[in-house]
ModelCIF file with pLDDT and N, C-alpha, C, O atoms, coordinates in Angstrom:
data_MODEL
#
_entry.id   MODEL 
#
_entity.id                         1 
_entity.type                       polymer 
_entity.pdbx_number_of_molecules   1 
#
_entity_poly.entity_id                      1 
_entity_poly.type                           'polypeptide(L)' 
_entity_poly.nstd_linkage                   no 
_entity_poly.nstd_monomer                   no 
_entity_poly.pdbx_seq_one_letter_code       PGRFYGIIGPNGCGKSTLLDLLCGHTEPERGSVSFNGRPLSAWGRKA 
_entity_poly.pdbx_seq_one_letter_code_can   PGRFYGIIGPNGCGKSTLLDLLCGHTEPERGSVSFNGRPLSAWGRKA 
_entity_poly.pdbx_strand_id                 A 
#
loop_
_entity_poly_seq.entity_id 
_entity_poly_seq.num 
_entity_poly_seq.mon_id 
_entity_poly_seq.hetero 
1 1  PRO n 
1 2  GLY n 
1 3  ARG n 
1 4  PHE n 
1 5  TYR n 
1 6  GLY n 
1 7  ILE n 
1 8  ILE n 
1 9  GLY n 
1 10 PRO n 
1 11 ASN n 
1 12 GLY n 
1 13 CYS n 
1 14 GLY n 
1 15 LYS n 
1 16 SER n 
1 17 THR n 
1 18 LEU n 
1 19 LEU n 
1 20 ASP n 
1 21 LEU n 
1 22 LEU n 
1 23 CYS n 
1 24 GLY n 
1 25 HIS n 
1 26 THR n 
1 27 GLU n 
1 28 PRO n 
1 29 GLU n 
1 30 ARG n 
1 31 GLY n 
1 32 SER n 
1 33 VAL n 
1 34 SER n 
1 35 PHE n 
1 36 ASN n 
1 37 GLY n 
1 38 ARG n 
1 39 PRO n 
1 40 LEU n 
1 41 SER n 
1 42 ALA n 
1 43 TRP n 
1 44 GLY n 
1 45 ARG n 
1 46 LYS n 
1 47 ALA n 
#
_struct_asym.id          A 
_struct_asym.entity_id   1 
#
loop_
_ma_qa_metric.id 
_ma_qa_metric.mode 
_ma_qa_metric.name 
_ma_qa_metric.software_group_id 
_ma_qa_metric.type 
1 global pLDDT . pLDDT 
2 local  pLDDT . pLDDT 
#
_ma_qa_metric_global.metric_id      1 
_ma_qa_metric_global.metric_value   93.70 
_ma_qa_metric_global.model_id       1 
_ma_qa_metric_global.ordinal_id     1 
#
loop_
_ma_qa_metric_local.label_asym_id 
_ma_qa_metric_local.label_comp_id 
_ma_qa_metric_local.label_seq_id 
_ma_qa_metric_local.metric_id 
_ma_qa_metric_local.metric_value 
_ma_qa_metric_local.model_id 
_ma_qa_metric_local.ordinal_id 
A PRO 1  2 95.00 1 1  
A GLY 2  2 95.00 1 2  
A ARG 3  2 97.00 1 3  
A PHE 4  2 98.00 1 4  
A TYR 5  2 98.00 1 5  
A GLY 6  2 97.00 1 6  
A ILE 7  2 97.00 1 7  
A ILE 8  2 97.00 1 8  
A GLY 9  2 95.00 1 9  
A PRO 10 2 94.00 1 10 
A ASN 11 2 92.00 1 11 
A GLY 12 2 91.00 1 12 
A CYS 13 2 94.00 1 13 
A GLY 14 2 93.00 1 14 
A LYS 15 2 95.00 1 15 
A SER 16 2 94.00 1 16 
A THR 17 2 95.00 1 17 
A LEU 18 2 96.00 1 18 
A LEU 19 2 95.00 1 19 
A ASP 20 2 94.00 1 20 
A LEU 21 2 95.00 1 21 
A LEU 22 2 95.00 1 22 
A CYS 23 2 92.00 1 23 
A GLY 24 2 91.00 1 24 
A HIS 25 2 90.00 1 25 
A THR 26 2 91.00 1 26 
A GLU 27 2 91.00 1 27 
A PRO 28 2 93.00 1 28 
A GLU 29 2 93.00 1 29 
A ARG 30 2 93.00 1 30 
A GLY 31 2 95.00 1 31 
A SER 32 2 95.00 1 32 
A VAL 33 2 96.00 1 33 
A SER 34 2 95.00 1 34 
A PHE 35 2 94.00 1 35 
A ASN 36 2 93.00 1 36 
A GLY 37 2 92.00 1 37 
A ARG 38 2 93.00 1 38 
A PRO 39 2 94.00 1 39 
A LEU 40 2 93.00 1 40 
A SER 41 2 89.00 1 41 
A ALA 42 2 92.00 1 42 
A TRP 43 2 92.00 1 43 
A GLY 44 2 90.00 1 44 
A ARG 45 2 90.00 1 45 
A LYS 46 2 92.00 1 46 
A ALA 47 2 93.00 1 47 
#
loop_
_atom_site.group_PDB 
_atom_site.id 
_atom_site.type_symbol 
_atom_site.label_atom_id 
_atom_site.label_alt_id 
_atom_site.label_comp_id 
_atom_site.label_asym_id 
_atom_site.label_entity_id 
_atom_site.label_seq_id 
_atom_site.pdbx_PDB_ins_code 
_atom_site.Cartn_x 
_atom_site.Cartn_y 
_atom_site.Cartn_z 
_atom_site.occupancy 
_atom_site.B_iso_or_equiv 
_atom_site.pdbx_formal_charge 
_atom_site.auth_seq_id 
_atom_site.auth_comp_id 
_atom_site.auth_asym_id 
_atom_site.auth_atom_id 
_atom_site.pdbx_PDB_model_num 
ATOM 1   N N  . PRO A 1 1  ? 0.157   246.745 80.749  1.00 95.00 ? 1  PRO A N  1 
ATOM 2   C CA . PRO A 1 1  ? -0.875  247.749 81.060  1.00 95.00 ? 1  PRO A CA 1 
ATOM 3   C C  . PRO A 1 1  ? -1.389  248.436 79.805  1.00 95.00 ? 1  PRO A C  1 
ATOM 4   O O  . PRO A 1 1  ? -0.680  248.567 78.808  1.00 95.00 ? 1  PRO A O  1 
ATOM 5   N N  . GLY A 1 2  ? -2.655  248.875 79.882  1.00 95.00 ? 2  GLY A N  1 
ATOM 6   C CA . GLY A 1 2  ? -3.225  249.640 78.792  1.00 95.00 ? 2  GLY A CA 1 
ATOM 7   C C  . GLY A 1 2  ? -3.609  248.822 77.581  1.00 95.00 ? 2  GLY A C  1 
ATOM 8   O O  . GLY A 1 2  ? -3.714  249.356 76.477  1.00 95.00 ? 2  GLY A O  1 
ATOM 9   N N  . ARG A 1 3  ? -3.824  247.507 77.778  1.00 97.00 ? 3  ARG A N  1 
ATOM 10  C CA . ARG A 1 3  ? -4.212  246.647 76.666  1.00 97.00 ? 3  ARG A CA 1 
ATOM 11  C C  . ARG A 1 3  ? -5.376  245.751 77.060  1.00 97.00 ? 3  ARG A C  1 
ATOM 12  O O  . ARG A 1 3  ? -5.517  245.347 78.215  1.00 97.00 ? 3  ARG A O  1 
ATOM 13  N N  . PHE A 1 4  ? -6.199  245.455 76.074  1.00 98.00 ? 4  PHE A N  1 
ATOM 14  C CA . PHE A 1 4  ? -7.344  244.570 76.244  1.00 98.00 ? 4  PHE A CA 1 
ATOM 15  C C  . PHE A 1 4  ? -7.010  243.282 75.492  1.00 98.00 ? 4  PHE A C  1 
ATOM 16  O O  . PHE A 1 4  ? -6.966  243.259 74.262  1.00 98.00 ? 4  PHE A O  1 
ATOM 17  N N  . TYR A 1 5  ? -6.777  242.211 76.254  1.00 98.00 ? 5  TYR A N  1 
ATOM 18  C CA . TYR A 1 5  ? -6.400  240.927 75.671  1.00 98.00 ? 5  TYR A CA 1 
ATOM 19  C C  . TYR A 1 5  ? -7.601  239.992 75.625  1.00 98.00 ? 5  TYR A C  1 
ATOM 20  O O  . TYR A 1 5  ? -8.374  239.918 76.579  1.00 98.00 ? 5  TYR A O  1 
ATOM 21  N N  . GLY A 1 6  ? -7.753  239.285 74.523  1.00 97.00 ? 6  GLY A N  1 
ATOM 22  C CA . GLY A 1 6  ? -8.738  238.223 74.428  1.00 97.00 ? 6  GLY A CA 1 
ATOM 23  C C  . GLY A 1 6  ? -8.045  236.882 74.279  1.00 97.00 ? 6  GLY A C  1 
ATOM 24  O O  . GLY A 1 6  ? -7.159  236.725 73.439  1.00 97.00 ? 6  GLY A O  1 
ATOM 25  N N  . ILE A 1 7  ? -8.446  235.912 75.096  1.00 97.00 ? 7  ILE A N  1 
ATOM 26  C CA . ILE A 1 7  ? -7.909  234.553 74.994  1.00 97.00 ? 7  ILE A CA 1 
ATOM 27  C C  . ILE A 1 7  ? -8.976  233.691 74.346  1.00 97.00 ? 7  ILE A C  1 
ATOM 28  O O  . ILE A 1 7  ? -10.096 233.592 74.847  1.00 97.00 ? 7  ILE A O  1 
ATOM 29  N N  . ILE A 1 8  ? -8.625  233.067 73.232  1.00 97.00 ? 8  ILE A N  1 
ATOM 30  C CA . ILE A 1 8  ? -9.591  232.349 72.417  1.00 97.00 ? 8  ILE A CA 1 
ATOM 31  C C  . ILE A 1 8  ? -9.066  230.944 72.122  1.00 97.00 ? 8  ILE A C  1 
ATOM 32  O O  . ILE A 1 8  ? -7.868  230.743 71.920  1.00 97.00 ? 8  ILE A O  1 
ATOM 33  N N  . GLY A 1 9  ? -9.982  229.981 72.101  1.00 95.00 ? 9  GLY A N  1 
ATOM 34  C CA . GLY A 1 9  ? -9.602  228.621 71.744  1.00 95.00 ? 9  GLY A CA 1 
ATOM 35  C C  . GLY A 1 9  ? -10.742 227.661 71.993  1.00 95.00 ? 9  GLY A C  1 
ATOM 36  O O  . GLY A 1 9  ? -11.742 228.040 72.603  1.00 95.00 ? 9  GLY A O  1 
ATOM 37  N N  . PRO A 1 10 ? -10.617 226.424 71.535  1.00 94.00 ? 10 PRO A N  1 
ATOM 38  C CA . PRO A 1 10 ? -11.687 225.440 71.713  1.00 94.00 ? 10 PRO A CA 1 
ATOM 39  C C  . PRO A 1 10 ? -11.836 225.019 73.170  1.00 94.00 ? 10 PRO A C  1 
ATOM 40  O O  . PRO A 1 10 ? -10.971 225.296 74.001  1.00 94.00 ? 10 PRO A O  1 
ATOM 41  N N  . ASN A 1 11 ? -12.936 224.351 73.465  1.00 92.00 ? 11 ASN A N  1 
ATOM 42  C CA . ASN A 1 11 ? -13.174 223.868 74.817  1.00 92.00 ? 11 ASN A CA 1 
ATOM 43  C C  . ASN A 1 11 ? -12.028 222.962 75.278  1.00 92.00 ? 11 ASN A C  1 
ATOM 44  O O  . ASN A 1 11 ? -11.518 222.138 74.520  1.00 92.00 ? 11 ASN A O  1 
ATOM 45  N N  . GLY A 1 12 ? -11.642 223.141 76.546  1.00 91.00 ? 12 GLY A N  1 
ATOM 46  C CA . GLY A 1 12 ? -10.645 222.256 77.130  1.00 91.00 ? 12 GLY A CA 1 
ATOM 47  C C  . GLY A 1 12 ? -9.213  222.542 76.737  1.00 91.00 ? 12 GLY A C  1 
ATOM 48  O O  . GLY A 1 12 ? -8.329  221.725 76.992  1.00 91.00 ? 12 GLY A O  1 
ATOM 49  N N  . CYS A 1 13 ? -8.962  223.708 76.109  1.00 94.00 ? 13 CYS A N  1 
ATOM 50  C CA . CYS A 1 13 ? -7.591  223.987 75.660  1.00 94.00 ? 13 CYS A CA 1 
ATOM 51  C C  . CYS A 1 13 ? -6.744  224.639 76.743  1.00 94.00 ? 13 CYS A C  1 
ATOM 52  O O  . CYS A 1 13 ? -5.540  224.815 76.553  1.00 94.00 ? 13 CYS A O  1 
ATOM 53  N N  . GLY A 1 14 ? -7.353  225.008 77.895  1.00 93.00 ? 14 GLY A N  1 
ATOM 54  C CA . GLY A 1 14 ? -6.572  225.557 79.001  1.00 93.00 ? 14 GLY A CA 1 
ATOM 55  C C  . GLY A 1 14 ? -6.797  227.028 79.285  1.00 93.00 ? 14 GLY A C  1 
ATOM 56  O O  . GLY A 1 14 ? -6.069  227.615 80.086  1.00 93.00 ? 14 GLY A O  1 
ATOM 57  N N  . LYS A 1 15 ? -7.785  227.636 78.649  1.00 95.00 ? 15 LYS A N  1 
ATOM 58  C CA . LYS A 1 15 ? -8.005  229.081 78.811  1.00 95.00 ? 15 LYS A CA 1 
ATOM 59  C C  . LYS A 1 15 ? -8.313  229.457 80.261  1.00 95.00 ? 15 LYS A C  1 
ATOM 60  O O  . LYS A 1 15 ? -7.664  230.339 80.824  1.00 95.00 ? 15 LYS A O  1 
ATOM 61  N N  . SER A 1 16 ? -9.299  228.793 80.867  1.00 94.00 ? 16 SER A N  1 
ATOM 62  C CA . SER A 1 16 ? -9.689  229.123 82.244  1.00 94.00 ? 16 SER A CA 1 
ATOM 63  C C  . SER A 1 16 ? -8.586  228.761 83.232  1.00 94.00 ? 16 SER A C  1 
ATOM 64  O O  . SER A 1 16 ? -8.384  229.457 84.227  1.00 94.00 ? 16 SER A O  1 
ATOM 65  N N  . THR A 1 17 ? -7.880  227.677 82.956  1.00 95.00 ? 17 THR A N  1 
ATOM 66  C CA . THR A 1 17 ? -6.758  227.297 83.828  1.00 95.00 ? 17 THR A CA 1 
ATOM 67  C C  . THR A 1 17 ? -5.690  228.374 83.810  1.00 95.00 ? 17 THR A C  1 
ATOM 68  O O  . THR A 1 17 ? -5.113  228.693 84.849  1.00 95.00 ? 17 THR A O  1 
ATOM 69  N N  . LEU A 1 18 ? -5.421  228.937 82.640  1.00 96.00 ? 18 LEU A N  1 
ATOM 70  C CA . LEU A 1 18 ? -4.433  230.012 82.557  1.00 96.00 ? 18 LEU A CA 1 
ATOM 71  C C  . LEU A 1 18 ? -4.865  231.208 83.399  1.00 96.00 ? 18 LEU A C  1 
ATOM 72  O O  . LEU A 1 18 ? -4.034  231.804 84.086  1.00 96.00 ? 18 LEU A O  1 
ATOM 73  N N  . LEU A 1 19 ? -6.144  231.571 83.362  1.00 95.00 ? 19 LEU A N  1 
ATOM 74  C CA . LEU A 1 19 ? -6.614  232.677 84.204  1.00 95.00 ? 19 LEU A CA 1 
ATOM 75  C C  . LEU A 1 19 ? -6.430  232.361 85.679  1.00 95.00 ? 19 LEU A C  1 
ATOM 76  O O  . LEU A 1 19 ? -6.001  233.221 86.449  1.00 95.00 ? 19 LEU A O  1 
ATOM 77  N N  . ASP A 1 20 ? -6.754  231.125 86.084  1.00 94.00 ? 20 ASP A N  1 
ATOM 78  C CA . ASP A 1 20 ? -6.589  230.733 87.485  1.00 94.00 ? 20 ASP A CA 1 
ATOM 79  C C  . ASP A 1 20 ? -5.125  230.831 87.916  1.00 94.00 ? 20 ASP A C  1 
ATOM 80  O O  . ASP A 1 20 ? -4.838  231.192 89.057  1.00 94.00 ? 20 ASP A O  1 
ATOM 81  N N  . LEU A 1 21 ? -4.214  230.517 87.024  1.00 95.00 ? 21 LEU A N  1 
ATOM 82  C CA . LEU A 1 21 ? -2.784  230.636 87.320  1.00 95.00 ? 21 LEU A CA 1 
ATOM 83  C C  . LEU A 1 21 ? -2.369  232.106 87.421  1.00 95.00 ? 21 LEU A C  1 
ATOM 84  O O  . LEU A 1 21 ? -1.547  232.471 88.261  1.00 95.00 ? 21 LEU A O  1 
ATOM 85  N N  . LEU A 1 22 ? -2.945  232.939 86.560  1.00 95.00 ? 22 LEU A N  1 
ATOM 86  C CA . LEU A 1 22 ? -2.576  234.360 86.555  1.00 95.00 ? 22 LEU A CA 1 
ATOM 87  C C  . LEU A 1 22 ? -3.034  235.094 87.802  1.00 95.00 ? 22 LEU A C  1 
ATOM 88  O O  . LEU A 1 22 ? -2.397  236.059 88.224  1.00 95.00 ? 22 LEU A O  1 
ATOM 89  N N  . CYS A 1 23 ? -4.146  234.641 88.403  1.00 92.00 ? 23 CYS A N  1 
ATOM 90  C CA . CYS A 1 23 ? -4.648  235.341 89.592  1.00 92.00 ? 23 CYS A CA 1 
ATOM 91  C C  . CYS A 1 23 ? -4.220  234.664 90.893  1.00 92.00 ? 23 CYS A C  1 
ATOM 92  O O  . CYS A 1 23 ? -4.546  235.148 91.977  1.00 92.00 ? 23 CYS A O  1 
ATOM 93  N N  . GLY A 1 24 ? -3.495  233.554 90.796  1.00 91.00 ? 24 GLY A N  1 
ATOM 94  C CA . GLY A 1 24 ? -2.994  232.889 91.996  1.00 91.00 ? 24 GLY A CA 1 
ATOM 95  C C  . GLY A 1 24 ? -3.939  231.896 92.617  1.00 91.00 ? 24 GLY A C  1 
ATOM 96  O O  . GLY A 1 24 ? -3.638  231.353 93.680  1.00 91.00 ? 24 GLY A O  1 
ATOM 97  N N  . HIS A 1 25 ? -5.092  231.631 91.985  1.00 90.00 ? 25 HIS A N  1 
ATOM 98  C CA . HIS A 1 25 ? -6.003  230.615 92.514  1.00 90.00 ? 25 HIS A CA 1 
ATOM 99  C C  . HIS A 1 25 ? -5.410  229.216 92.379  1.00 90.00 ? 25 HIS A C  1 
ATOM 100 O O  . HIS A 1 25 ? -5.731  228.315 93.153  1.00 90.00 ? 25 HIS A O  1 
ATOM 101 N N  . THR A 1 26 ? -4.543  229.049 91.388  1.00 91.00 ? 26 THR A N  1 
ATOM 102 C CA . THR A 1 26 ? -3.858  227.777 91.155  1.00 91.00 ? 26 THR A CA 1 
ATOM 103 C C  . THR A 1 26 ? -2.371  228.050 91.060  1.00 91.00 ? 26 THR A C  1 
ATOM 104 O O  . THR A 1 26 ? -1.959  229.028 90.437  1.00 91.00 ? 26 THR A O  1 
ATOM 105 N N  . GLU A 1 27 ? -1.564  227.202 91.668  1.00 91.00 ? 27 GLU A N  1 
ATOM 106 C CA . GLU A 1 27 ? -0.115  227.348 91.592  1.00 91.00 ? 27 GLU A CA 1 
ATOM 107 C C  . GLU A 1 27 ? 0.439   226.440 90.506  1.00 91.00 ? 27 GLU A C  1 
ATOM 108 O O  . GLU A 1 27 ? 0.065   225.269 90.440  1.00 91.00 ? 27 GLU A O  1 
ATOM 109 N N  . PRO A 1 28 ? 1.324   226.952 89.649  1.00 93.00 ? 28 PRO A N  1 
ATOM 110 C CA . PRO A 1 28 ? 1.880   226.114 88.591  1.00 93.00 ? 28 PRO A CA 1 
ATOM 111 C C  . PRO A 1 28 ? 2.733   224.983 89.172  1.00 93.00 ? 28 PRO A C  1 
ATOM 112 O O  . PRO A 1 28 ? 3.406   225.162 90.188  1.00 93.00 ? 28 PRO A O  1 
ATOM 113 N N  . GLU A 1 29 ? 2.698   223.823 88.519  1.00 93.00 ? 29 GLU A N  1 
ATOM 114 C CA . GLU A 1 29 ? 3.571   222.734 88.944  1.00 93.00 ? 29 GLU A CA 1 
ATOM 115 C C  . GLU A 1 29 ? 4.976   222.933 88.392  1.00 93.00 ? 29 GLU A C  1 
ATOM 116 O O  . GLU A 1 29 ? 5.946   222.377 88.909  1.00 93.00 ? 29 GLU A O  1 
ATOM 117 N N  . ARG A 1 30 ? 5.072   223.737 87.330  1.00 93.00 ? 30 ARG A N  1 
ATOM 118 C CA . ARG A 1 30 ? 6.377   224.104 86.782  1.00 93.00 ? 30 ARG A CA 1 
ATOM 119 C C  . ARG A 1 30 ? 6.282   225.514 86.239  1.00 93.00 ? 30 ARG A C  1 
ATOM 120 O O  . ARG A 1 30 ? 5.227   225.939 85.767  1.00 93.00 ? 30 ARG A O  1 
ATOM 121 N N  . GLY A 1 31 ? 7.392   226.241 86.307  1.00 95.00 ? 31 GLY A N  1 
ATOM 122 C CA . GLY A 1 31 ? 7.395   227.620 85.860  1.00 95.00 ? 31 GLY A CA 1 
ATOM 123 C C  . GLY A 1 31 ? 6.923   228.564 86.958  1.00 95.00 ? 31 GLY A C  1 
ATOM 124 O O  . GLY A 1 31 ? 6.765   228.162 88.111  1.00 95.00 ? 31 GLY A O  1 
ATOM 125 N N  . SER A 1 32 ? 6.702   229.815 86.592  1.00 95.00 ? 32 SER A N  1 
ATOM 126 C CA . SER A 1 32 ? 6.333   230.817 87.592  1.00 95.00 ? 32 SER A CA 1 
ATOM 127 C C  . SER A 1 32 ? 5.443   231.892 86.984  1.00 95.00 ? 32 SER A C  1 
ATOM 128 O O  . SER A 1 32 ? 5.461   232.132 85.777  1.00 95.00 ? 32 SER A O  1 
ATOM 129 N N  . VAL A 1 33 ? 4.653   232.540 87.861  1.00 96.00 ? 33 VAL A N  1 
ATOM 130 C CA . VAL A 1 33 ? 3.830   233.677 87.485  1.00 96.00 ? 33 VAL A CA 1 
ATOM 131 C C  . VAL A 1 33 ? 4.221   234.840 88.385  1.00 96.00 ? 33 VAL A C  1 
ATOM 132 O O  . VAL A 1 33 ? 4.284   234.691 89.606  1.00 96.00 ? 33 VAL A O  1 
ATOM 133 N N  . SER A 1 34 ? 4.483   235.993 87.790  1.00 95.00 ? 34 SER A N  1 
ATOM 134 C CA . SER A 1 34 ? 4.884   237.163 88.572  1.00 95.00 ? 34 SER A CA 1 
ATOM 135 C C  . SER A 1 34 ? 4.010   238.353 88.215  1.00 95.00 ? 34 SER A C  1 
ATOM 136 O O  . SER A 1 34 ? 3.518   238.474 87.094  1.00 95.00 ? 34 SER A O  1 
ATOM 137 N N  . PHE A 1 35 ? 3.830   239.223 89.192  1.00 94.00 ? 35 PHE A N  1 
ATOM 138 C CA . PHE A 1 35 ? 3.082   240.464 88.994  1.00 94.00 ? 35 PHE A CA 1 
ATOM 139 C C  . PHE A 1 35 ? 3.990   241.614 89.399  1.00 94.00 ? 35 PHE A C  1 
ATOM 140 O O  . PHE A 1 35 ? 4.492   241.652 90.522  1.00 94.00 ? 35 PHE A O  1 
ATOM 141 N N  . ASN A 1 36 ? 4.198   242.552 88.481  1.00 93.00 ? 36 ASN A N  1 
ATOM 142 C CA . ASN A 1 36 ? 5.105   243.683 88.708  1.00 93.00 ? 36 ASN A CA 1 
ATOM 143 C C  . ASN A 1 36 ? 6.480   243.214 89.194  1.00 93.00 ? 36 ASN A C  1 
ATOM 144 O O  . ASN A 1 36 ? 7.088   243.828 90.070  1.00 93.00 ? 36 ASN A O  1 
ATOM 145 N N  . GLY A 1 37 ? 6.950   242.118 88.607  1.00 92.00 ? 37 GLY A N  1 
ATOM 146 C CA . GLY A 1 37 ? 8.299   241.636 88.890  1.00 92.00 ? 37 GLY A CA 1 
ATOM 147 C C  . GLY A 1 37 ? 8.444   240.775 90.124  1.00 92.00 ? 37 GLY A C  1 
ATOM 148 O O  . GLY A 1 37 ? 9.539   240.287 90.406  1.00 92.00 ? 37 GLY A O  1 
ATOM 149 N N  . ARG A 1 38 ? 7.347   240.572 90.885  1.00 93.00 ? 38 ARG A N  1 
ATOM 150 C CA . ARG A 1 38 ? 7.403   239.734 92.084  1.00 93.00 ? 38 ARG A CA 1 
ATOM 151 C C  . ARG A 1 38 ? 6.550   238.501 91.884  1.00 93.00 ? 38 ARG A C  1 
ATOM 152 O O  . ARG A 1 38 ? 5.444   238.596 91.352  1.00 93.00 ? 38 ARG A O  1 
ATOM 153 N N  . PRO A 1 39 ? 7.054   237.317 92.311  1.00 94.00 ? 39 PRO A N  1 
ATOM 154 C CA . PRO A 1 39 ? 6.232   236.108 92.200  1.00 94.00 ? 39 PRO A CA 1 
ATOM 155 C C  . PRO A 1 39 ? 4.908   236.283 92.938  1.00 94.00 ? 39 PRO A C  1 
ATOM 156 O O  . PRO A 1 39 ? 4.851   236.940 93.978  1.00 94.00 ? 39 PRO A O  1 
ATOM 157 N N  . LEU A 1 40 ? 3.849   235.694 92.398  1.00 93.00 ? 40 LEU A N  1 
ATOM 158 C CA . LEU A 1 40 ? 2.548   235.803 93.067  1.00 93.00 ? 40 LEU A CA 1 
ATOM 159 C C  . LEU A 1 40 ? 2.614   235.292 94.496  1.00 93.00 ? 40 LEU A C  1 
ATOM 160 O O  . LEU A 1 40 ? 1.920   235.801 95.376  1.00 93.00 ? 40 LEU A O  1 
ATOM 161 N N  . SER A 1 41 ? 3.449   234.283 94.728  1.00 89.00 ? 41 SER A N  1 
ATOM 162 C CA . SER A 1 41 ? 3.570   233.710 96.069  1.00 89.00 ? 41 SER A CA 1 
ATOM 163 C C  . SER A 1 41 ? 4.154   234.696 97.069  1.00 89.00 ? 41 SER A C  1 
ATOM 164 O O  . SER A 1 41 ? 4.010   234.508 98.277  1.00 89.00 ? 41 SER A O  1 
ATOM 165 N N  . ALA A 1 42 ? 4.814   235.752 96.582  1.00 92.00 ? 42 ALA A N  1 
ATOM 166 C CA . ALA A 1 42 ? 5.400   236.759 97.472  1.00 92.00 ? 42 ALA A CA 1 
ATOM 167 C C  . ALA A 1 42 ? 4.400   237.844 97.855  1.00 92.00 ? 42 ALA A C  1 
ATOM 168 O O  . ALA A 1 42 ? 4.671   238.675 98.722  1.00 92.00 ? 42 ALA A O  1 
ATOM 169 N N  . TRP A 1 43 ? 3.240   237.826 97.197  1.00 92.00 ? 43 TRP A N  1 
ATOM 170 C CA . TRP A 1 43 ? 2.198   238.794 97.517  1.00 92.00 ? 43 TRP A CA 1 
ATOM 171 C C  . TRP A 1 43 ? 1.250   238.200 98.555  1.00 92.00 ? 43 TRP A C  1 
ATOM 172 O O  . TRP A 1 43 ? 0.875   237.033 98.444  1.00 92.00 ? 43 TRP A O  1 
ATOM 173 N N  . GLY A 1 44 ? 0.863   238.964 99.540  1.00 90.00 ? 44 GLY A N  1 
ATOM 174 C CA . GLY A 1 44 ? -0.185  238.526 100.450 1.00 90.00 ? 44 GLY A CA 1 
ATOM 175 C C  . GLY A 1 44 ? -1.509  238.481 99.712  1.00 90.00 ? 44 GLY A C  1 
ATOM 176 O O  . GLY A 1 44 ? -1.685  239.162 98.702  1.00 90.00 ? 44 GLY A O  1 
ATOM 177 N N  . ARG A 1 45 ? -2.443  237.678 100.211 1.00 90.00 ? 45 ARG A N  1 
ATOM 178 C CA . ARG A 1 45 ? -3.717  237.530 99.518  1.00 90.00 ? 45 ARG A CA 1 
ATOM 179 C C  . ARG A 1 45 ? -4.461  238.864 99.403  1.00 90.00 ? 45 ARG A C  1 
ATOM 180 O O  . ARG A 1 45 ? -5.069  239.161 98.375  1.00 90.00 ? 45 ARG A O  1 
ATOM 181 N N  . LYS A 1 46 ? -4.406  239.650 100.458 1.00 92.00 ? 46 LYS A N  1 
ATOM 182 C CA . LYS A 1 46 ? -5.112  240.937 100.437 1.00 92.00 ? 46 LYS A CA 1 
ATOM 183 C C  . LYS A 1 46 ? -4.457  241.907 99.460  1.00 92.00 ? 46 LYS A C  1 
ATOM 184 O O  . LYS A 1 46 ? -5.146  242.614 98.726  1.00 92.00 ? 46 LYS A O  1 
ATOM 185 N N  . ALA A 1 47 ? -3.135  241.939 99.452  1.00 93.00 ? 47 ALA A N  1 
ATOM 186 C CA . ALA A 1 47 ? -2.421  242.825 98.526  1.00 93.00 ? 47 ALA A CA 1 
ATOM 187 C C  . ALA A 1 47 ? -2.684  242.407 97.085  1.00 93.00 ? 47 ALA A C  1 
ATOM 188 O O  . ALA A 1 47 ? -2.170  243.032 96.158  1.00 93.00 ? 47 ALA A O  1 
#
């Protein structure tokens, strides 16, 4: 919290895919993404 992050890199390096993983639009095939200590899969879509 309280930070402005910039993700930078050449075309096709995975920047947009990383955003999709962070917001839950895409589920990782390996590893996990959590928000406030809870896996994204544990959050309802509305929450």
